[in-house]
Amino acid sequence: VLRPHGLAKAPRALPPRADANSPPENIPTVDEELMALRSPLRMLGPYPVLSLRFEDMETPEQFKEQQKQTGETGVALDFVVDTAANVNTINAKLAADLGLAAVGFDEGGVSAAGELAGGTTYMLGTAQLNDSPKAARVDFLSNVTASALPVASPSGAGLLGVGFLFAFPGGVEF
């Protein structure tokens, strides 16, 4: 359950989007009861995975036929939820295949396995919860970025770290 701060309880009301690169205090507030966004948290092997859909992301050629059959737009990516990750990460080959725009560079650091080199940071854009029913999906997070670090994720497209989790000052429940 993701609880964006200031999400008004109203029928089919669009929530104010949390900004993945903005402190929580910059999210608009609403003086009404908060509402929760719910999405299944799947397992990919032993890892908890959240599937995000990026409607504005260019679809690679190999998925265009599937897109026609399903009526979906954009790209769905499965991310491992990692509360110990300092940054969101994405597989470097996937970022190149998707033609993502580079927006910066994340300096190296230390991981559980030792020293970690830095990598290019890419703009993923605005996200929806992909495992929600299509009719119920809303853009809930904007300006999502991820860095292509040497070890992006043990599985899935990458990792969603504390930067993703902190975008929800109302809390995240698993």
N, C-alpha and C. Protein backbone atom coordinates (compact mmCIF):
# COMPACT_ATOMS: atom_id res chain seq x y z
N VAL A 1 0.86 -1.17 0.00
CA VAL A 1 0.00 0.00 0.00
C VAL A 1 0.90 1.22 0.00
N LEU A 2 0.77 2.05 -1.00
CA LEU A 2 1.53 3.29 -1.09
C LEU A 2 0.61 4.40 -0.65
N ARG A 3 1.03 5.24 0.25
CA ARG A 3 0.19 6.31 0.74
C ARG A 3 0.82 7.66 0.43
N PRO A 4 0.58 8.18 -0.81
CA PRO A 4 1.09 9.50 -1.14
C PRO A 4 0.45 10.53 -0.23
N HIS A 5 1.23 11.46 0.26
CA HIS A 5 0.74 12.53 1.12
C HIS A 5 -0.24 13.38 0.34
N GLY A 6 -1.39 13.68 0.91
CA GLY A 6 -2.33 14.59 0.29
C GLY A 6 -3.24 13.95 -0.74
N LEU A 7 -3.36 12.64 -0.77
CA LEU A 7 -4.21 11.98 -1.73
C LEU A 7 -5.64 12.05 -1.24
N ALA A 8 -6.47 12.81 -1.92
CA ALA A 8 -7.84 13.04 -1.49
C ALA A 8 -8.71 11.82 -1.71
N LYS A 9 -9.68 11.62 -0.80
CA LYS A 9 -10.62 10.53 -0.95
C LYS A 9 -11.80 11.05 -1.76
N ALA A 10 -11.86 10.67 -3.03
CA ALA A 10 -12.92 11.11 -3.92
C ALA A 10 -13.07 10.09 -5.02
N PRO A 11 -14.27 9.91 -5.56
CA PRO A 11 -14.43 8.92 -6.62
C PRO A 11 -13.63 9.29 -7.86
N ARG A 12 -12.74 8.38 -8.29
CA ARG A 12 -11.91 8.53 -9.48
C ARG A 12 -11.11 9.82 -9.53
N ALA A 13 -10.89 10.43 -8.36
CA ALA A 13 -10.07 11.65 -8.33
C ALA A 13 -8.64 11.28 -8.65
N LEU A 14 -7.98 12.09 -9.45
CA LEU A 14 -6.58 11.84 -9.74
C LEU A 14 -5.76 12.38 -8.59
N PRO A 15 -4.86 11.56 -8.04
CA PRO A 15 -4.06 12.00 -6.91
C PRO A 15 -2.98 12.97 -7.37
N PRO A 16 -2.58 13.89 -6.47
CA PRO A 16 -1.41 14.68 -6.82
C PRO A 16 -0.23 13.73 -6.90
N ARG A 17 0.55 13.83 -7.97
CA ARG A 17 1.68 12.91 -8.13
C ARG A 17 2.80 13.29 -7.19
N ALA A 18 3.38 12.29 -6.58
CA ALA A 18 4.59 12.49 -5.81
C ALA A 18 5.71 12.69 -6.82
N ASP A 19 6.69 13.51 -6.48
CA ASP A 19 7.83 13.74 -7.36
C ASP A 19 9.01 12.98 -6.79
N ALA A 20 9.54 12.04 -7.55
CA ALA A 20 10.61 11.19 -7.06
C ALA A 20 11.89 11.95 -6.76
N ASN A 21 12.02 13.19 -7.27
CA ASN A 21 13.23 13.97 -7.03
C ASN A 21 12.97 15.21 -6.20
N SER A 22 11.88 15.23 -5.47
CA SER A 22 11.51 16.39 -4.69
C SER A 22 11.25 15.96 -3.25
N PRO A 23 11.66 16.76 -2.29
CA PRO A 23 11.41 16.39 -0.89
C PRO A 23 9.92 16.27 -0.63
N PRO A 24 9.50 15.36 0.26
CA PRO A 24 8.09 15.15 0.55
C PRO A 24 7.34 16.42 0.95
N GLU A 25 8.00 17.38 1.58
CA GLU A 25 7.29 18.59 2.01
C GLU A 25 6.81 19.43 0.83
N ASN A 26 7.28 19.14 -0.39
CA ASN A 26 6.84 19.89 -1.57
C ASN A 26 5.59 19.29 -2.22
N ILE A 27 5.09 18.17 -1.69
CA ILE A 27 3.89 17.56 -2.25
C ILE A 27 2.68 18.34 -1.77
N PRO A 28 1.73 18.66 -2.67
CA PRO A 28 0.56 19.42 -2.26
C PRO A 28 -0.23 18.69 -1.18
N THR A 29 -0.83 19.43 -0.27
CA THR A 29 -1.63 18.81 0.78
C THR A 29 -3.10 19.04 0.53
N VAL A 30 -3.91 18.13 1.02
CA VAL A 30 -5.35 18.21 0.93
C VAL A 30 -5.89 17.96 2.33
N ASP A 31 -6.84 18.77 2.76
CA ASP A 31 -7.36 18.65 4.12
C ASP A 31 -8.48 17.62 4.22
N GLU A 32 -8.33 16.51 3.54
CA GLU A 32 -9.30 15.43 3.60
C GLU A 32 -8.57 14.15 4.00
N GLU A 33 -9.37 13.12 4.28
CA GLU A 33 -8.81 11.84 4.66
C GLU A 33 -7.94 11.29 3.53
N LEU A 34 -6.82 10.67 3.89
CA LEU A 34 -5.93 10.09 2.89
C LEU A 34 -6.53 8.83 2.31
N MET A 35 -6.18 8.53 1.08
CA MET A 35 -6.62 7.32 0.40
C MET A 35 -5.37 6.52 0.04
N ALA A 36 -5.49 5.23 -0.02
CA ALA A 36 -4.34 4.38 -0.32
C ALA A 36 -4.40 3.88 -1.77
N LEU A 37 -3.24 3.74 -2.38
CA LEU A 37 -3.10 3.05 -3.65
C LEU A 37 -2.61 1.65 -3.32
N ARG A 38 -3.24 0.65 -3.88
CA ARG A 38 -2.85 -0.73 -3.59
C ARG A 38 -2.39 -1.41 -4.87
N SER A 39 -1.36 -2.22 -4.72
CA SER A 39 -0.86 -2.99 -5.84
C SER A 39 -0.23 -4.26 -5.31
N PRO A 40 -0.40 -5.37 -6.02
CA PRO A 40 0.25 -6.60 -5.58
C PRO A 40 1.77 -6.44 -5.55
N LEU A 41 2.37 -7.02 -4.57
CA LEU A 41 3.83 -7.10 -4.49
C LEU A 41 4.14 -8.55 -4.81
N ARG A 42 4.68 -8.77 -6.00
CA ARG A 42 4.98 -10.13 -6.44
C ARG A 42 6.37 -10.53 -5.99
N MET A 43 6.65 -11.82 -6.11
CA MET A 43 7.98 -12.33 -5.83
C MET A 43 8.60 -12.78 -7.15
N LEU A 44 9.84 -12.41 -7.36
CA LEU A 44 10.62 -12.87 -8.51
C LEU A 44 11.78 -13.63 -7.89
N GLY A 45 11.65 -14.96 -7.85
CA GLY A 45 12.58 -15.75 -7.06
C GLY A 45 12.37 -15.38 -5.60
N PRO A 46 13.43 -15.08 -4.87
CA PRO A 46 13.27 -14.72 -3.46
C PRO A 46 13.09 -13.21 -3.23
N TYR A 47 12.91 -12.43 -4.31
CA TYR A 47 12.90 -10.97 -4.20
C TYR A 47 11.50 -10.39 -4.38
N PRO A 48 11.11 -9.42 -3.52
CA PRO A 48 9.82 -8.74 -3.70
C PRO A 48 9.92 -7.77 -4.87
N VAL A 49 8.93 -7.79 -5.77
CA VAL A 49 8.97 -7.01 -7.00
C VAL A 49 7.70 -6.17 -7.13
N LEU A 50 7.89 -4.91 -7.51
CA LEU A 50 6.79 -4.02 -7.83
C LEU A 50 6.88 -3.71 -9.32
N SER A 51 5.77 -3.91 -10.03
CA SER A 51 5.76 -3.67 -11.47
C SER A 51 5.24 -2.26 -11.74
N LEU A 52 6.06 -1.46 -12.43
CA LEU A 52 5.69 -0.09 -12.77
C LEU A 52 5.51 0.02 -14.28
N ARG A 53 4.52 0.79 -14.69
CA ARG A 53 4.29 1.07 -16.12
C ARG A 53 4.62 2.52 -16.38
N PHE A 54 5.41 2.75 -17.42
CA PHE A 54 5.80 4.08 -17.85
C PHE A 54 5.12 4.33 -19.19
N GLU A 55 3.95 4.97 -19.15
CA GLU A 55 3.11 5.17 -20.34
C GLU A 55 3.81 5.96 -21.44
N ASP A 56 4.66 6.91 -21.06
CA ASP A 56 5.29 7.78 -22.05
C ASP A 56 6.61 7.23 -22.59
N MET A 57 7.05 6.10 -22.07
CA MET A 57 8.32 5.53 -22.51
C MET A 57 8.15 4.89 -23.89
N GLU A 58 9.09 5.14 -24.75
CA GLU A 58 9.06 4.57 -26.11
C GLU A 58 9.16 3.06 -26.04
N THR A 59 8.27 2.38 -26.75
CA THR A 59 8.24 0.92 -26.74
C THR A 59 9.25 0.37 -27.72
N PRO A 60 10.14 -0.53 -27.26
CA PRO A 60 11.09 -1.15 -28.18
C PRO A 60 10.35 -1.95 -29.26
N GLU A 61 10.94 -2.06 -30.42
CA GLU A 61 10.32 -2.72 -31.57
C GLU A 61 9.84 -4.13 -31.23
N GLN A 62 10.63 -4.88 -30.43
CA GLN A 62 10.28 -6.27 -30.15
C GLN A 62 9.00 -6.40 -29.32
N PHE A 63 8.49 -5.31 -28.72
CA PHE A 63 7.27 -5.38 -27.92
C PHE A 63 6.06 -4.74 -28.60
N LYS A 64 6.24 -4.20 -29.79
CA LYS A 64 5.13 -3.49 -30.46
C LYS A 64 3.96 -4.42 -30.78
N GLU A 65 4.23 -5.66 -31.20
CA GLU A 65 3.15 -6.60 -31.52
C GLU A 65 2.37 -6.96 -30.25
N GLN A 66 3.09 -7.22 -29.18
CA GLN A 66 2.45 -7.53 -27.90
C GLN A 66 1.60 -6.34 -27.45
N GLN A 67 2.10 -5.15 -27.66
CA GLN A 67 1.38 -3.94 -27.28
C GLN A 67 0.06 -3.82 -28.05
N LYS A 68 0.08 -4.16 -29.33
CA LYS A 68 -1.14 -4.13 -30.14
C LYS A 68 -2.17 -5.13 -29.62
N GLN A 69 -1.70 -6.33 -29.24
CA GLN A 69 -2.61 -7.38 -28.77
C GLN A 69 -3.23 -7.04 -27.42
N THR A 70 -2.47 -6.43 -26.54
CA THR A 70 -2.97 -6.14 -25.20
C THR A 70 -3.66 -4.79 -25.10
N GLY A 71 -3.41 -3.90 -26.07
CA GLY A 71 -3.98 -2.56 -26.01
C GLY A 71 -3.29 -1.67 -25.00
N GLU A 72 -2.15 -2.11 -24.51
CA GLU A 72 -1.38 -1.33 -23.53
C GLU A 72 -0.46 -0.35 -24.27
N THR A 73 -0.07 0.71 -23.59
CA THR A 73 0.92 1.64 -24.13
C THR A 73 2.07 1.73 -23.15
N GLY A 74 3.19 2.22 -23.63
CA GLY A 74 4.33 2.38 -22.75
C GLY A 74 5.05 1.07 -22.47
N VAL A 75 5.81 1.08 -21.38
CA VAL A 75 6.64 -0.07 -21.04
C VAL A 75 6.42 -0.42 -19.57
N ALA A 76 6.24 -1.70 -19.28
CA ALA A 76 6.13 -2.19 -17.91
C ALA A 76 7.48 -2.78 -17.49
N LEU A 77 7.97 -2.37 -16.33
CA LEU A 77 9.24 -2.87 -15.82
C LEU A 77 9.05 -3.36 -14.39
N ASP A 78 9.61 -4.52 -14.09
CA ASP A 78 9.56 -5.08 -12.74
C ASP A 78 10.81 -4.68 -11.98
N PHE A 79 10.61 -4.05 -10.82
CA PHE A 79 11.73 -3.61 -9.99
C PHE A 79 11.71 -4.33 -8.65
N VAL A 80 12.87 -4.79 -8.22
CA VAL A 80 13.02 -5.36 -6.88
C VAL A 80 12.97 -4.21 -5.88
N VAL A 81 12.16 -4.36 -4.83
CA VAL A 81 12.08 -3.34 -3.78
C VAL A 81 13.19 -3.65 -2.78
N ASP A 82 14.13 -2.71 -2.63
CA ASP A 82 15.31 -2.92 -1.79
C ASP A 82 15.45 -1.76 -0.82
N THR A 83 15.07 -1.98 0.43
CA THR A 83 15.11 -0.91 1.43
C THR A 83 16.53 -0.51 1.81
N ALA A 84 17.52 -1.28 1.40
CA ALA A 84 18.91 -0.94 1.70
C ALA A 84 19.60 -0.22 0.55
N ALA A 85 18.94 -0.08 -0.59
CA ALA A 85 19.55 0.59 -1.75
C ALA A 85 19.42 2.10 -1.60
N ASN A 86 20.52 2.81 -1.78
CA ASN A 86 20.51 4.27 -1.67
C ASN A 86 19.91 4.94 -2.89
N VAL A 87 19.99 4.29 -4.05
CA VAL A 87 19.47 4.86 -5.30
C VAL A 87 18.64 3.80 -6.03
N ASN A 88 17.76 4.28 -6.89
CA ASN A 88 17.08 3.37 -7.82
C ASN A 88 18.10 2.98 -8.87
N THR A 89 18.05 1.75 -9.33
CA THR A 89 18.99 1.31 -10.36
C THR A 89 18.23 0.69 -11.52
N ILE A 90 18.89 0.63 -12.66
CA ILE A 90 18.34 -0.03 -13.84
C ILE A 90 19.49 -0.74 -14.55
N ASN A 91 19.18 -1.85 -15.18
CA ASN A 91 20.15 -2.59 -15.95
C ASN A 91 20.64 -1.71 -17.10
N ALA A 92 21.95 -1.56 -17.26
CA ALA A 92 22.52 -0.66 -18.27
C ALA A 92 22.11 -1.05 -19.69
N LYS A 93 22.07 -2.34 -20.00
CA LYS A 93 21.67 -2.78 -21.33
C LYS A 93 20.20 -2.43 -21.58
N LEU A 94 19.37 -2.60 -20.59
CA LEU A 94 17.95 -2.26 -20.73
C LEU A 94 17.78 -0.76 -20.97
N ALA A 95 18.52 0.05 -20.22
CA ALA A 95 18.45 1.51 -20.42
C ALA A 95 18.83 1.88 -21.85
N ALA A 96 19.87 1.22 -22.39
CA ALA A 96 20.29 1.49 -23.77
C ALA A 96 19.24 1.00 -24.76
N ASP A 97 18.68 -0.20 -24.54
CA ASP A 97 17.66 -0.75 -25.43
C ASP A 97 16.42 0.14 -25.47
N LEU A 98 16.07 0.76 -24.34
CA LEU A 98 14.90 1.62 -24.27
C LEU A 98 15.19 3.03 -24.78
N GLY A 99 16.46 3.34 -25.00
CA GLY A 99 16.84 4.67 -25.48
C GLY A 99 16.54 5.75 -24.46
N LEU A 100 16.75 5.45 -23.17
CA LEU A 100 16.45 6.40 -22.11
C LEU A 100 17.41 7.59 -22.13
N ALA A 101 16.90 8.75 -21.77
CA ALA A 101 17.71 9.97 -21.74
C ALA A 101 18.57 9.99 -20.48
N ALA A 102 19.86 10.24 -20.65
CA ALA A 102 20.77 10.39 -19.51
C ALA A 102 20.54 11.76 -18.89
N VAL A 103 20.42 11.79 -17.56
CA VAL A 103 20.18 13.06 -16.87
C VAL A 103 21.22 13.36 -15.80
N GLY A 104 22.24 12.51 -15.70
CA GLY A 104 23.28 12.75 -14.70
C GLY A 104 24.17 11.55 -14.53
N PHE A 105 24.96 11.60 -13.46
CA PHE A 105 25.89 10.52 -13.15
C PHE A 105 25.89 10.34 -11.64
N ASP A 106 25.74 9.11 -11.18
CA ASP A 106 25.77 8.82 -9.76
C ASP A 106 27.17 8.35 -9.40
N GLU A 107 27.78 9.00 -8.43
CA GLU A 107 29.13 8.64 -7.99
C GLU A 107 29.14 7.25 -7.38
N GLY A 108 30.28 6.64 -7.35
CA GLY A 108 30.45 5.31 -6.77
C GLY A 108 30.26 5.34 -5.27
N GLY A 109 30.26 4.19 -4.69
CA GLY A 109 30.07 4.07 -3.24
C GLY A 109 30.49 2.70 -2.78
N VAL A 110 29.84 2.24 -1.73
CA VAL A 110 30.15 0.94 -1.15
C VAL A 110 28.88 0.11 -1.12
N SER A 111 28.99 -1.14 -1.52
CA SER A 111 27.85 -2.05 -1.47
C SER A 111 28.18 -3.18 -0.51
N ALA A 112 27.26 -4.09 -0.34
CA ALA A 112 27.49 -5.24 0.53
C ALA A 112 28.68 -6.06 0.05
N ALA A 113 28.97 -6.01 -1.25
CA ALA A 113 30.08 -6.78 -1.84
C ALA A 113 31.38 -5.99 -1.89
N GLY A 114 31.37 -4.75 -1.40
CA GLY A 114 32.57 -3.93 -1.43
C GLY A 114 32.38 -2.67 -2.24
N GLU A 115 33.51 -2.14 -2.77
CA GLU A 115 33.45 -0.89 -3.52
C GLU A 115 32.61 -1.05 -4.80
N LEU A 116 31.84 0.03 -5.10
CA LEU A 116 30.94 0.00 -6.24
C LEU A 116 31.20 1.23 -7.11
N ALA A 117 31.43 1.00 -8.40
CA ALA A 117 31.65 2.12 -9.32
C ALA A 117 30.34 2.85 -9.57
N GLY A 118 30.44 4.10 -9.99
CA GLY A 118 29.25 4.90 -10.30
C GLY A 118 28.70 4.55 -11.67
N GLY A 119 27.62 5.26 -12.06
CA GLY A 119 27.03 5.00 -13.35
C GLY A 119 26.11 6.13 -13.80
N THR A 120 25.75 6.12 -15.06
CA THR A 120 24.87 7.12 -15.64
C THR A 120 23.48 7.01 -15.04
N THR A 121 22.84 8.16 -14.80
CA THR A 121 21.48 8.20 -14.29
C THR A 121 20.55 8.52 -15.46
N TYR A 122 19.45 7.76 -15.55
CA TYR A 122 18.50 7.89 -16.65
C TYR A 122 17.13 8.33 -16.14
N MET A 123 16.41 9.07 -16.98
CA MET A 123 15.04 9.47 -16.66
C MET A 123 14.09 8.38 -17.14
N LEU A 124 13.31 7.84 -16.21
CA LEU A 124 12.29 6.85 -16.56
C LEU A 124 10.95 7.55 -16.80
N GLY A 125 10.69 8.62 -16.05
CA GLY A 125 9.48 9.40 -16.27
C GLY A 125 8.41 9.19 -15.22
N THR A 126 7.17 9.20 -15.67
CA THR A 126 6.00 9.11 -14.80
C THR A 126 5.54 7.67 -14.72
N ALA A 127 5.24 7.21 -13.50
CA ALA A 127 4.92 5.80 -13.28
C ALA A 127 3.48 5.56 -12.86
N GLN A 128 3.00 4.38 -13.24
CA GLN A 128 1.72 3.84 -12.80
C GLN A 128 2.00 2.48 -12.17
N LEU A 129 1.08 2.01 -11.34
CA LEU A 129 1.20 0.67 -10.76
C LEU A 129 0.67 -0.32 -11.80
N ASN A 130 1.55 -1.06 -12.44
CA ASN A 130 1.20 -1.90 -13.56
C ASN A 130 0.27 -3.05 -13.20
N ASP A 131 0.36 -3.57 -12.00
CA ASP A 131 -0.47 -4.72 -11.63
C ASP A 131 -1.86 -4.33 -11.16
N SER A 132 -2.15 -3.04 -11.15
CA SER A 132 -3.51 -2.59 -10.86
C SER A 132 -4.34 -2.80 -12.13
N PRO A 133 -5.65 -2.97 -11.98
CA PRO A 133 -6.48 -3.10 -13.19
C PRO A 133 -6.29 -1.87 -14.08
N LYS A 134 -6.28 -2.09 -15.38
CA LYS A 134 -6.00 -1.02 -16.34
C LYS A 134 -6.90 0.20 -16.10
N ALA A 135 -8.17 -0.01 -15.85
CA ALA A 135 -9.11 1.10 -15.65
C ALA A 135 -8.84 1.88 -14.37
N ALA A 136 -8.15 1.26 -13.42
CA ALA A 136 -7.89 1.92 -12.13
C ALA A 136 -6.52 2.57 -12.05
N ARG A 137 -5.69 2.41 -13.08
CA ARG A 137 -4.33 2.96 -13.03
C ARG A 137 -4.34 4.48 -13.13
N VAL A 138 -3.49 5.10 -12.33
CA VAL A 138 -3.30 6.55 -12.38
C VAL A 138 -1.80 6.82 -12.32
N ASP A 139 -1.37 7.94 -12.86
CA ASP A 139 0.02 8.38 -12.71
C ASP A 139 0.18 8.78 -11.24
N PHE A 140 1.06 8.10 -10.52
CA PHE A 140 1.20 8.40 -9.11
C PHE A 140 2.58 8.91 -8.71
N LEU A 141 3.54 8.85 -9.62
CA LEU A 141 4.89 9.29 -9.30
C LEU A 141 5.53 9.83 -10.56
N SER A 142 6.11 11.02 -10.48
CA SER A 142 6.75 11.62 -11.65
C SER A 142 8.25 11.77 -11.42
N ASN A 143 8.97 12.02 -12.49
CA ASN A 143 10.42 12.24 -12.45
C ASN A 143 11.19 11.07 -11.84
N VAL A 144 10.76 9.86 -12.13
CA VAL A 144 11.47 8.68 -11.63
C VAL A 144 12.78 8.55 -12.40
N THR A 145 13.87 8.43 -11.67
CA THR A 145 15.18 8.22 -12.28
C THR A 145 15.79 6.93 -11.73
N ALA A 146 16.75 6.39 -12.46
CA ALA A 146 17.48 5.20 -12.02
C ALA A 146 18.89 5.26 -12.59
N SER A 147 19.83 4.78 -11.83
CA SER A 147 21.23 4.78 -12.25
C SER A 147 21.65 3.40 -12.73
N ALA A 148 22.41 3.38 -13.81
CA ALA A 148 22.91 2.12 -14.36
C ALA A 148 24.22 1.79 -13.67
N LEU A 149 24.11 1.15 -12.53
CA LEU A 149 25.29 0.76 -11.77
C LEU A 149 25.72 -0.63 -12.22
N PRO A 150 26.99 -1.01 -11.96
CA PRO A 150 27.49 -2.31 -12.43
C PRO A 150 26.63 -3.50 -11.99
N VAL A 151 26.07 -3.45 -10.80
CA VAL A 151 25.19 -4.53 -10.34
C VAL A 151 23.84 -3.88 -10.09
N ALA A 152 23.00 -3.81 -11.13
CA ALA A 152 21.73 -3.09 -11.03
C ALA A 152 20.71 -3.83 -10.19
N SER A 153 20.61 -5.13 -10.34
CA SER A 153 19.61 -5.90 -9.62
C SER A 153 19.90 -7.38 -9.80
N PRO A 154 19.59 -8.16 -8.77
CA PRO A 154 19.76 -9.61 -8.93
C PRO A 154 18.73 -10.20 -9.89
N SER A 155 17.63 -9.50 -10.10
CA SER A 155 16.59 -9.92 -11.04
C SER A 155 15.72 -8.71 -11.37
N GLY A 156 14.93 -8.80 -12.41
CA GLY A 156 14.08 -7.68 -12.79
C GLY A 156 14.87 -6.60 -13.52
N ALA A 157 14.22 -5.46 -13.74
CA ALA A 157 14.82 -4.36 -14.48
C ALA A 157 15.83 -3.59 -13.65
N GLY A 158 15.66 -3.60 -12.33
CA GLY A 158 16.54 -2.85 -11.45
C GLY A 158 16.00 -2.86 -10.03
N LEU A 159 16.42 -1.87 -9.25
CA LEU A 159 16.01 -1.76 -7.85
C LEU A 159 15.25 -0.48 -7.61
N LEU A 160 14.28 -0.53 -6.72
CA LEU A 160 13.64 0.67 -6.17
C LEU A 160 14.16 0.78 -4.75
N GLY A 161 14.88 1.86 -4.47
CA GLY A 161 15.50 2.02 -3.17
C GLY A 161 14.77 3.02 -2.29
N VAL A 162 15.49 3.53 -1.29
CA VAL A 162 14.88 4.45 -0.33
C VAL A 162 14.40 5.74 -0.97
N GLY A 163 15.01 6.18 -2.06
CA GLY A 163 14.54 7.37 -2.76
C GLY A 163 13.10 7.20 -3.23
N PHE A 164 12.78 6.01 -3.73
CA PHE A 164 11.42 5.70 -4.15
C PHE A 164 10.51 5.67 -2.92
N LEU A 165 10.92 4.99 -1.88
CA LEU A 165 10.08 4.84 -0.68
C LEU A 165 9.84 6.18 0.01
N PHE A 166 10.84 7.06 0.03
CA PHE A 166 10.70 8.36 0.69
C PHE A 166 9.77 9.31 -0.08
N ALA A 167 9.42 8.97 -1.32
CA ALA A 167 8.48 9.80 -2.08
C ALA A 167 7.06 9.69 -1.51
N PHE A 168 6.85 8.79 -0.54
CA PHE A 168 5.54 8.56 0.04
C PHE A 168 5.56 8.84 1.54
N PRO A 169 5.50 10.12 1.91
CA PRO A 169 5.56 10.45 3.34
C PRO A 169 4.40 9.90 4.13
N GLY A 170 3.31 9.51 3.47
CA GLY A 170 2.18 8.88 4.14
C GLY A 170 2.48 7.45 4.51
N GLY A 171 3.55 6.89 3.95
CA GLY A 171 3.99 5.55 4.31
C GLY A 171 3.83 4.54 3.19
N VAL A 172 4.52 3.42 3.34
CA VAL A 172 4.43 2.29 2.45
C VAL A 172 4.27 1.07 3.34
N GLU A 173 3.24 0.29 3.07
CA GLU A 173 3.00 -0.94 3.83
C GLU A 173 3.18 -2.12 2.91
N PHE A 174 3.83 -3.19 3.41
CA PHE A 174 4.00 -4.41 2.62
C PHE A 174 3.16 -5.50 3.23
